[in-house]
Each structure stands twice: as C-alpha cells, then as structure tokens.
Protein backbone atom coordinates (compact mmCIF):
# COMPACT_ATOMS: atom_id res chain seq x y z
CA MET A 1 3.77 4.41 -6.04
CA PHE A 2 2.94 1.93 -3.28
CA GLU A 3 0.75 -0.52 -5.21
CA GLU A 4 3.46 -3.00 -6.23
CA LEU A 5 4.88 -2.98 -2.71
CA PHE A 6 1.48 -3.77 -1.19
CA LEU A 7 0.87 -6.60 -3.65
CA ARG A 8 4.23 -8.16 -2.76
CA CYS A 9 3.55 -7.83 0.97
CA ARG A 10 0.18 -9.54 0.58
CA ALA A 11 1.58 -12.31 -1.63
CA ARG A 12 4.44 -13.04 0.78
CA ARG A 13 2.30 -12.48 3.85
CA SER A 14 5.01 -10.16 5.05
CA ARG A 15 4.79 -6.81 6.78
CA CYS A 16 5.63 -3.48 5.28
CA ARG A 17 6.57 -0.44 7.37
CA ILE A 18 6.28 3.13 6.14
CA LEU A 19 7.64 6.13 8.02
CA LEU A 20 6.11 9.47 7.12
CA PRO A 21 6.78 12.93 8.51
CA LYS A 22 4.85 13.61 11.71
CA LEU A 23 1.84 15.87 10.98
CA ASN A 24 1.06 17.06 14.50
CA VAL A 25 4.00 18.71 16.17
CA PRO A 26 3.83 19.53 19.88
CA ALA A 27 4.51 23.13 20.86
CA GLY A 28 8.20 23.79 21.26
CA GLU A 29 9.30 21.05 18.83
CA PRO A 30 10.60 21.88 15.36
CA ASP A 31 8.03 21.60 12.58
CA TRP A 32 10.08 19.88 9.89
CA ILE A 33 7.27 19.84 7.34
CA ALA A 34 6.95 23.63 7.60
CA ASP A 35 10.73 23.88 7.35
CA ARG A 36 10.79 21.88 4.10
CA GLU A 37 7.84 23.82 2.72
CA GLU A 38 9.71 27.09 3.32
CA GLU A 39 12.51 25.72 1.16
CA ILE A 40 10.14 24.58 -1.59
CA GLN A 41 8.15 27.81 -1.76
CA VAL A 42 11.27 29.67 -2.90
CA PHE A 43 11.14 27.88 -6.27
CA ASP A 44 7.50 26.71 -6.39
CA SER A 45 4.84 29.30 -5.55
CA ALA A 46 2.16 26.62 -5.02
CA PHE A 47 3.79 25.90 -1.67
CA GLY A 48 3.90 28.03 1.44
CA ALA A 49 0.30 27.75 2.60
CA GLY A 50 0.37 24.23 4.03
CA LEU A 51 0.27 22.30 0.75
CA LEU A 52 3.07 19.92 1.73
CA ARG A 53 1.34 19.04 5.01
CA ARG A 54 -1.92 18.40 3.11
CA GLN A 55 -0.09 16.15 0.64
CA ILE A 56 1.43 14.15 3.49
CA ALA A 57 -1.97 13.97 5.23
CA ALA A 58 -3.46 12.63 1.98
CA THR A 59 -0.80 9.90 1.97
CA TYR A 60 -1.76 8.94 5.54
CA ASP A 61 -5.43 8.87 4.45
CA TYR A 62 -4.60 6.72 1.41
CA LEU A 63 -2.67 4.23 3.56
CA ALA A 64 -5.20 4.04 6.42
CA PRO A 65 -7.51 1.38 4.88
CA ILE A 66 -4.52 -0.73 3.87
CA THR A 67 -3.13 -0.72 7.41
CA MET A 68 -6.40 -2.36 8.50
CA GLU A 69 -5.48 -5.41 6.43
CA GLY A 70 -2.53 -6.14 8.72
CA HIS A 71 0.29 -6.13 6.16
CA LEU A 72 1.19 -2.47 6.57
CA GLU A 73 2.16 -0.25 9.48
CA THR A 74 2.74 3.49 9.35
CA ARG A 75 4.40 5.78 11.86
CA GLY A 76 5.35 9.41 11.96
CA TYR A 77 8.85 10.70 12.56
CA GLY A 78 10.11 14.08 13.68
CA ILE A 79 13.43 14.77 11.98
CA PRO A 80 14.36 17.15 9.16
CA HIS A 81 12.50 16.41 5.94
CA ILE A 82 15.64 16.21 3.80
CA GLY A 83 15.29 12.98 1.89
CA ARG A 84 13.57 9.69 1.26
CA ILE A 85 14.85 6.22 2.09
CA ILE A 86 13.36 3.06 0.62
CA ALA A 87 14.82 -0.14 2.01
CA THR A 88 14.40 -3.70 0.80
CA GLU A 89 16.05 -6.96 1.80
CA ARG A 90 18.78 -6.37 -0.79
CA VAL A 91 19.15 -2.64 -1.47
CA VAL A 92 18.48 0.80 -0.03
CA TYR A 93 17.49 3.72 -2.24
CA LEU A 94 18.38 7.14 -0.86
CA THR A 95 16.97 10.30 -2.42
CA PRO A 96 18.57 13.31 -0.73
CA TYR A 97 16.44 16.41 -1.20
CA SER A 98 18.21 19.60 -2.19
CA ALA A 99 16.97 22.89 -0.76
CA ASP A 100 16.46 24.22 -4.28
CA ARG A 101 14.39 21.51 -6.00
CA HIS A 102 11.58 19.02 -5.52
CA GLY A 103 12.36 15.53 -4.31
CA ARG A 104 11.10 14.13 -7.59
CA ASP A 105 13.89 16.04 -9.33
CA SER A 106 16.59 14.73 -6.99
CA PRO A 107 18.93 11.86 -7.84
CA VAL A 108 18.34 8.41 -6.37
CA ILE A 109 21.38 6.67 -4.93
CA LYS A 110 21.28 2.87 -4.72
CA TYR A 111 23.22 1.05 -1.99
CA HIS A 112 23.67 -2.70 -1.98
CA ARG A 113 24.36 -4.57 1.24
CA GLY A 114 27.38 -3.09 2.96
CA GLU A 115 28.33 -0.35 5.37
CA THR A 116 26.05 2.41 4.02
CA TYR A 117 23.16 -0.03 3.64
CA ASP A 118 23.61 -1.12 7.27
CA VAL A 119 23.78 2.47 8.56
CA LEU A 120 20.62 3.48 6.70
CA LEU A 121 18.72 0.42 7.95
CA ARG A 122 19.87 1.22 11.47
CA LEU A 123 18.56 4.77 11.06
CA ILE A 124 15.20 3.47 9.89
CA ASP A 125 15.00 1.05 12.82
CA LYS A 126 15.80 3.82 15.32
CA LEU A 127 13.21 6.13 13.77
CA TRP A 128 10.63 3.35 13.85
CA VAL A 129 11.16 2.69 17.54
CA GLY A 130 11.10 6.43 18.30
CA GLY A 131 7.98 7.20 16.28
CA PRO A 132 4.44 6.99 17.62
CA ALA A 133 2.46 3.89 16.68
C-alpha cells in the first residue's frame, strides 16, 4: 500500500508523514483501537482479542526501517478510529468507516482543493502537532 508513496518521496527528496492510531494509551484515556475493535468483532469473529492493535503494531514495525532513511515520519494519534484520510498536494481521500463493516469495504470520497480539502488538511496538521514524535 505504501510502496509507491515511498518511491515518490525518495525521488522528490520530499518528506512523507503518516499518522497511525496510538498503540499505548495512558490510564484514564479512551482506547480508540479497542473501541473500533469492539465494533468490528460484531461482524467479524476474528477480532475482539487484540487483532486490530496487532495489525496496527505490524504497520509501525513495517514503517520503522523506512523512517530511518529520513523521508518518512510517523506519529500516533488518540482520536476515534472512524476513518482514514490520505492527503496529497492536490486531493484528499476520505474513507469514513461504518460501525458495521471493515474499512476496506467502505467508500472512498475524493476532495479536490476547496473548503473540505482545507478542513481535512487542517485536521491532519492539528493531529500531527498533538501527536507524540
């Protein structure tokens, strides 16, 4: 999924930022990964025993060596796990997750530059600043 993005970042000598759900949640804070997994386990019995957290941890592990190259940064965020946003210089792709299906089965909405594009980029910027390095 990320390979083409990484190749472009290397070729352009540009930086890529990826926000992922925060794995370690301090006591007293909502655990949004567990919340999403509770939703998923209703329609997919493979979930409910920490599978989603392990999948996200595997993504962190996969990205770790690439971050060492200097073209990629990752940070965790702590908000509800209700969608995916992919932003480029020209468009933003929003995949809102329904409570009753996997993200891969959810529609992707494409926003060109404009008001919604700007709001979603602003959200990403705020999450980036608020997330741990």
